Amino acid sequence: MVRVLKDSHPVARKEHRCLLCNGTINKGQRYYRQTCVYDAAPYDCIDHDECYEVAMELDMDTDCDDEGLTDEIFREVIDEFIWDNFSEEESDRIYNLPYYEKVRIVLNKLKEKR
């Protein structure tokens, strides 16, 4: 089971890789960081704010196993959301975009629905 030790919301002093979408978190960009422990081994989860927000909004962590939310599950849910909530033409256009761009589109759609 994953145990969260610390949450933070720093500004990047260097480039990082988002663990959910695998996109680049640029220097100067605010991001979400969690320090966790799994099987007595500490590690950091580093995510774009938008990726973290979408994951929480869509309750992606509820169906995860002991390892928590993986990039594979995250991407599957993003693609599924796009196919379920956009027209076929829009889905086809969005399909080849990088995942960070897909996440931003999904987040805008979620905000529209509120």
N, C-alpha and C. Protein backbone atom coordinates (compact mmCIF):
# COMPACT_ATOMS: atom_id res chain seq x y z
N MET A 1 0.84 -1.18 0.00
CA MET A 1 0.00 0.00 0.00
C MET A 1 0.88 1.25 0.00
N VAL A 2 0.51 2.21 -0.81
CA VAL A 2 1.24 3.48 -0.90
C VAL A 2 0.83 4.36 0.27
N ARG A 3 1.83 4.96 0.91
CA ARG A 3 1.57 5.89 2.01
C ARG A 3 2.16 7.25 1.62
N VAL A 4 1.35 8.29 1.70
CA VAL A 4 1.79 9.64 1.35
C VAL A 4 2.41 10.29 2.59
N LEU A 5 3.64 10.76 2.44
CA LEU A 5 4.32 11.43 3.54
C LEU A 5 4.16 12.94 3.47
N LYS A 6 4.17 13.48 2.23
CA LYS A 6 4.15 14.94 2.10
C LYS A 6 3.60 15.33 0.74
N ASP A 7 2.78 16.37 0.72
CA ASP A 7 2.29 17.00 -0.51
C ASP A 7 2.90 18.38 -0.61
N SER A 8 3.28 18.77 -1.82
CA SER A 8 3.75 20.14 -2.03
C SER A 8 3.38 20.60 -3.43
N HIS A 9 3.51 21.88 -3.65
CA HIS A 9 3.10 22.50 -4.90
C HIS A 9 4.18 23.52 -5.31
N PRO A 10 5.40 23.03 -5.59
CA PRO A 10 6.51 23.94 -5.87
C PRO A 10 6.53 24.45 -7.30
N VAL A 11 7.41 25.41 -7.54
CA VAL A 11 7.72 25.89 -8.88
C VAL A 11 9.00 25.17 -9.31
N ALA A 12 8.99 24.63 -10.53
CA ALA A 12 10.13 23.85 -11.01
C ALA A 12 11.36 24.74 -11.19
N ARG A 13 12.47 24.30 -10.60
CA ARG A 13 13.75 24.98 -10.79
C ARG A 13 14.54 24.37 -11.94
N LYS A 14 14.06 23.21 -12.42
CA LYS A 14 14.64 22.53 -13.57
C LYS A 14 13.51 21.76 -14.24
N GLU A 15 13.77 21.21 -15.42
CA GLU A 15 12.76 20.40 -16.10
C GLU A 15 12.54 19.10 -15.34
N HIS A 16 11.29 18.67 -15.31
CA HIS A 16 10.91 17.38 -14.73
C HIS A 16 10.05 16.65 -15.75
N ARG A 17 9.82 15.39 -15.52
CA ARG A 17 8.93 14.58 -16.35
C ARG A 17 7.69 14.24 -15.52
N CYS A 18 6.50 14.53 -16.05
CA CYS A 18 5.25 14.19 -15.37
C CYS A 18 5.09 12.68 -15.39
N LEU A 19 4.85 12.09 -14.22
CA LEU A 19 4.72 10.64 -14.14
C LEU A 19 3.39 10.14 -14.70
N LEU A 20 2.42 11.00 -14.88
CA LEU A 20 1.12 10.57 -15.40
C LEU A 20 1.05 10.66 -16.91
N CYS A 21 1.38 11.82 -17.48
CA CYS A 21 1.26 12.00 -18.93
C CYS A 21 2.59 11.84 -19.67
N ASN A 22 3.68 11.80 -18.91
CA ASN A 22 5.04 11.68 -19.45
C ASN A 22 5.49 12.93 -20.21
N GLY A 23 4.75 14.04 -20.04
CA GLY A 23 5.14 15.30 -20.66
C GLY A 23 6.16 16.04 -19.81
N THR A 24 6.72 17.08 -20.37
CA THR A 24 7.73 17.88 -19.68
C THR A 24 7.08 18.93 -18.79
N ILE A 25 7.55 19.01 -17.56
CA ILE A 25 7.20 20.10 -16.65
C ILE A 25 8.36 21.08 -16.80
N ASN A 26 8.07 22.25 -17.34
CA ASN A 26 9.12 23.21 -17.65
C ASN A 26 9.60 23.99 -16.44
N LYS A 27 10.83 24.43 -16.51
CA LYS A 27 11.40 25.30 -15.48
C LYS A 27 10.48 26.51 -15.33
N GLY A 28 10.13 26.86 -14.08
CA GLY A 28 9.25 27.98 -13.81
C GLY A 28 7.78 27.62 -13.73
N GLN A 29 7.43 26.38 -14.10
CA GLN A 29 6.04 25.92 -14.07
C GLN A 29 5.73 25.32 -12.71
N ARG A 30 4.57 25.66 -12.15
CA ARG A 30 4.14 25.08 -10.88
C ARG A 30 3.67 23.66 -11.15
N TYR A 31 3.96 22.75 -10.22
CA TYR A 31 3.57 21.35 -10.38
C TYR A 31 3.22 20.75 -9.03
N TYR A 32 2.66 19.55 -9.05
CA TYR A 32 2.24 18.85 -7.84
C TYR A 32 3.27 17.77 -7.52
N ARG A 33 3.73 17.73 -6.29
CA ARG A 33 4.73 16.74 -5.87
C ARG A 33 4.24 16.06 -4.60
N GLN A 34 4.32 14.72 -4.60
CA GLN A 34 3.99 13.93 -3.42
C GLN A 34 5.20 13.07 -3.09
N THR A 35 5.57 13.06 -1.83
CA THR A 35 6.60 12.13 -1.36
C THR A 35 5.86 10.96 -0.73
N CYS A 36 6.14 9.76 -1.24
CA CYS A 36 5.40 8.56 -0.83
C CYS A 36 6.36 7.45 -0.41
N VAL A 37 5.78 6.42 0.21
CA VAL A 37 6.54 5.22 0.56
C VAL A 37 5.73 4.02 0.07
N TYR A 38 6.42 3.09 -0.59
CA TYR A 38 5.80 1.84 -1.01
C TYR A 38 6.80 0.72 -0.74
N ASP A 39 6.39 -0.28 -0.01
CA ASP A 39 7.29 -1.39 0.39
C ASP A 39 8.57 -0.85 1.04
N ALA A 40 8.42 0.11 1.94
CA ALA A 40 9.51 0.73 2.69
C ALA A 40 10.48 1.52 1.83
N ALA A 41 10.16 1.75 0.55
CA ALA A 41 11.03 2.53 -0.33
C ALA A 41 10.38 3.89 -0.62
N PRO A 42 11.06 4.99 -0.25
CA PRO A 42 10.50 6.32 -0.53
C PRO A 42 10.70 6.70 -2.01
N TYR A 43 9.77 7.48 -2.52
CA TYR A 43 9.89 7.99 -3.89
C TYR A 43 9.02 9.24 -4.02
N ASP A 44 9.25 10.01 -5.06
CA ASP A 44 8.47 11.22 -5.32
C ASP A 44 7.61 11.03 -6.56
N CYS A 45 6.36 11.46 -6.46
CA CYS A 45 5.45 11.53 -7.61
C CYS A 45 5.44 12.99 -8.04
N ILE A 46 5.75 13.21 -9.30
CA ILE A 46 5.80 14.56 -9.84
C ILE A 46 4.83 14.64 -11.01
N ASP A 47 3.83 15.51 -10.92
CA ASP A 47 2.79 15.60 -11.93
C ASP A 47 2.49 17.05 -12.29
N HIS A 48 2.08 17.26 -13.55
CA HIS A 48 1.53 18.57 -13.90
C HIS A 48 0.33 18.84 -12.99
N ASP A 49 0.10 20.08 -12.65
CA ASP A 49 -1.09 20.43 -11.87
C ASP A 49 -2.35 19.91 -12.56
N GLU A 50 -2.41 20.10 -13.88
CA GLU A 50 -3.59 19.70 -14.64
C GLU A 50 -3.79 18.19 -14.61
N CYS A 51 -2.71 17.43 -14.72
CA CYS A 51 -2.81 15.97 -14.68
C CYS A 51 -3.32 15.50 -13.33
N TYR A 52 -2.78 16.10 -12.27
CA TYR A 52 -3.23 15.74 -10.92
C TYR A 52 -4.70 16.10 -10.73
N GLU A 53 -5.09 17.29 -11.20
CA GLU A 53 -6.47 17.74 -11.04
C GLU A 53 -7.44 16.82 -11.78
N VAL A 54 -7.11 16.44 -13.01
CA VAL A 54 -7.97 15.54 -13.78
C VAL A 54 -8.05 14.17 -13.10
N ALA A 55 -6.93 13.67 -12.61
CA ALA A 55 -6.92 12.38 -11.93
C ALA A 55 -7.85 12.40 -10.71
N MET A 56 -7.82 13.48 -9.95
CA MET A 56 -8.67 13.59 -8.77
C MET A 56 -10.14 13.79 -9.18
N GLU A 57 -10.36 14.61 -10.18
CA GLU A 57 -11.72 14.89 -10.64
C GLU A 57 -12.42 13.63 -11.17
N LEU A 58 -11.66 12.76 -11.82
CA LEU A 58 -12.23 11.53 -12.38
C LEU A 58 -12.06 10.33 -11.44
N ASP A 59 -11.64 10.58 -10.21
CA ASP A 59 -11.47 9.52 -9.20
C ASP A 59 -10.63 8.35 -9.71
N MET A 60 -9.56 8.65 -10.38
CA MET A 60 -8.74 7.60 -10.98
C MET A 60 -8.05 6.71 -9.96
N ASP A 61 -7.86 7.19 -8.77
CA ASP A 61 -7.13 6.40 -7.77
C ASP A 61 -8.00 5.38 -7.04
N THR A 62 -9.31 5.43 -7.23
CA THR A 62 -10.19 4.51 -6.48
C THR A 62 -10.11 3.06 -6.96
N ASP A 63 -9.84 2.85 -8.24
CA ASP A 63 -9.79 1.49 -8.78
C ASP A 63 -8.38 0.95 -8.92
N CYS A 64 -7.42 1.60 -8.31
CA CYS A 64 -6.02 1.19 -8.44
C CYS A 64 -5.67 0.09 -7.44
N ASP A 65 -4.64 -0.66 -7.77
CA ASP A 65 -4.16 -1.67 -6.83
C ASP A 65 -3.23 -1.02 -5.81
N ASP A 66 -2.46 -1.81 -5.09
CA ASP A 66 -1.58 -1.29 -4.04
C ASP A 66 -0.52 -0.32 -4.54
N GLU A 67 -0.17 -0.39 -5.81
CA GLU A 67 0.87 0.47 -6.37
C GLU A 67 0.38 1.87 -6.68
N GLY A 68 -0.93 2.08 -6.65
CA GLY A 68 -1.47 3.40 -6.92
C GLY A 68 -1.72 3.62 -8.40
N LEU A 69 -1.97 4.86 -8.76
CA LEU A 69 -2.28 5.24 -10.13
C LEU A 69 -1.04 5.19 -11.00
N THR A 70 -1.09 4.43 -12.08
CA THR A 70 0.04 4.34 -13.00
C THR A 70 -0.21 5.21 -14.23
N ASP A 71 0.85 5.49 -14.97
CA ASP A 71 0.69 6.27 -16.19
C ASP A 71 -0.18 5.53 -17.21
N GLU A 72 -0.10 4.22 -17.22
CA GLU A 72 -0.90 3.42 -18.15
C GLU A 72 -2.39 3.57 -17.86
N ILE A 73 -2.77 3.43 -16.59
CA ILE A 73 -4.18 3.60 -16.21
C ILE A 73 -4.63 5.03 -16.51
N PHE A 74 -3.79 6.00 -16.17
CA PHE A 74 -4.11 7.41 -16.40
C PHE A 74 -4.42 7.66 -17.88
N ARG A 75 -3.57 7.18 -18.76
CA ARG A 75 -3.75 7.41 -20.19
C ARG A 75 -4.99 6.69 -20.72
N GLU A 76 -5.25 5.50 -20.23
CA GLU A 76 -6.45 4.76 -20.65
C GLU A 76 -7.72 5.54 -20.28
N VAL A 77 -7.75 6.06 -19.06
CA VAL A 77 -8.93 6.81 -18.61
C VAL A 77 -9.09 8.10 -19.41
N ILE A 78 -7.99 8.78 -19.72
CA ILE A 78 -8.05 10.01 -20.52
C ILE A 78 -8.63 9.69 -21.90
N ASP A 79 -8.10 8.66 -22.55
CA ASP A 79 -8.59 8.28 -23.88
C ASP A 79 -10.07 7.89 -23.84
N GLU A 80 -10.45 7.13 -22.83
CA GLU A 80 -11.84 6.71 -22.67
C GLU A 80 -12.76 7.92 -22.49
N PHE A 81 -12.33 8.87 -21.67
CA PHE A 81 -13.12 10.08 -21.45
C PHE A 81 -13.32 10.83 -22.76
N ILE A 82 -12.27 10.93 -23.55
CA ILE A 82 -12.35 11.65 -24.83
C ILE A 82 -13.35 10.96 -25.76
N TRP A 83 -13.25 9.64 -25.89
CA TRP A 83 -14.17 8.91 -26.77
C TRP A 83 -15.62 9.00 -26.28
N ASP A 84 -15.81 9.06 -24.97
CA ASP A 84 -17.17 9.10 -24.40
C ASP A 84 -17.79 10.49 -24.40
N ASN A 85 -16.97 11.54 -24.47
CA ASN A 85 -17.49 12.89 -24.26
C ASN A 85 -17.31 13.86 -25.42
N PHE A 86 -16.72 13.39 -26.50
CA PHE A 86 -16.53 14.23 -27.68
C PHE A 86 -17.09 13.50 -28.90
N SER A 87 -17.41 14.27 -29.92
CA SER A 87 -17.89 13.65 -31.15
C SER A 87 -16.76 12.82 -31.77
N GLU A 88 -17.13 11.96 -32.69
CA GLU A 88 -16.12 11.12 -33.35
C GLU A 88 -15.09 11.99 -34.06
N GLU A 89 -15.54 13.04 -34.71
CA GLU A 89 -14.64 13.94 -35.42
C GLU A 89 -13.67 14.64 -34.44
N GLU A 90 -14.20 15.13 -33.32
CA GLU A 90 -13.35 15.77 -32.31
C GLU A 90 -12.38 14.77 -31.70
N SER A 91 -12.87 13.58 -31.39
CA SER A 91 -12.02 12.54 -30.80
C SER A 91 -10.87 12.18 -31.72
N ASP A 92 -11.15 12.07 -33.02
CA ASP A 92 -10.09 11.76 -33.99
C ASP A 92 -9.05 12.87 -34.03
N ARG A 93 -9.50 14.12 -33.94
CA ARG A 93 -8.58 15.26 -33.96
C ARG A 93 -7.71 15.28 -32.70
N ILE A 94 -8.30 14.98 -31.57
CA ILE A 94 -7.60 15.01 -30.28
C ILE A 94 -6.66 13.82 -30.11
N TYR A 95 -7.01 12.70 -30.72
CA TYR A 95 -6.32 11.42 -30.50
C TYR A 95 -4.79 11.50 -30.63
N ASN A 96 -4.27 12.20 -31.61
CA ASN A 96 -2.82 12.24 -31.86
C ASN A 96 -2.08 13.34 -31.11
N LEU A 97 -2.78 14.08 -30.30
CA LEU A 97 -2.12 15.13 -29.51
C LEU A 97 -1.31 14.49 -28.38
N PRO A 98 -0.27 15.18 -27.88
CA PRO A 98 0.43 14.68 -26.68
C PRO A 98 -0.55 14.63 -25.51
N TYR A 99 -0.29 13.73 -24.57
CA TYR A 99 -1.23 13.54 -23.45
C TYR A 99 -1.43 14.79 -22.62
N TYR A 100 -0.40 15.60 -22.46
CA TYR A 100 -0.59 16.84 -21.68
C TYR A 100 -1.64 17.72 -22.33
N GLU A 101 -1.63 17.80 -23.66
CA GLU A 101 -2.64 18.59 -24.37
C GLU A 101 -4.02 17.95 -24.22
N LYS A 102 -4.08 16.62 -24.29
CA LYS A 102 -5.34 15.91 -24.09
C LYS A 102 -5.90 16.21 -22.69
N VAL A 103 -5.03 16.20 -21.70
CA VAL A 103 -5.44 16.47 -20.32
C VAL A 103 -6.04 17.86 -20.20
N ARG A 104 -5.42 18.84 -20.83
CA ARG A 104 -5.93 20.21 -20.77
C ARG A 104 -7.31 20.31 -21.42
N ILE A 105 -7.52 19.56 -22.51
CA ILE A 105 -8.83 19.54 -23.17
C ILE A 105 -9.87 18.87 -22.27
N VAL A 106 -9.49 17.75 -21.65
CA VAL A 106 -10.39 17.05 -20.74
C VAL A 106 -10.75 17.95 -19.55
N LEU A 107 -9.76 18.63 -19.01
CA LEU A 107 -10.01 19.52 -17.87
C LEU A 107 -10.99 20.63 -18.24
N ASN A 108 -10.83 21.20 -19.43
CA ASN A 108 -11.78 22.23 -19.89
C ASN A 108 -13.19 21.66 -20.02
N LYS A 109 -13.30 20.43 -20.54
CA LYS A 109 -14.61 19.78 -20.68
C LYS A 109 -15.24 19.55 -19.30
N LEU A 110 -14.44 19.11 -18.34
CA LEU A 110 -14.94 18.90 -16.98
C LEU A 110 -15.44 20.20 -16.37
N LYS A 111 -14.73 21.29 -16.61
CA LYS A 111 -15.14 22.59 -16.08
C LYS A 111 -16.43 23.07 -16.73
N GLU A 112 -16.61 22.75 -18.03
CA GLU A 112 -17.86 23.10 -18.72
C GLU A 112 -19.05 22.38 -18.09
N LYS A 113 -18.84 21.12 -17.69
CA LYS A 113 -19.91 20.29 -17.13
C LYS A 113 -20.34 20.71 -15.73
N ARG A 114 -19.48 21.42 -15.02
CA ARG A 114 -19.80 21.82 -13.64
C ARG A 114 -20.92 22.79 -13.58
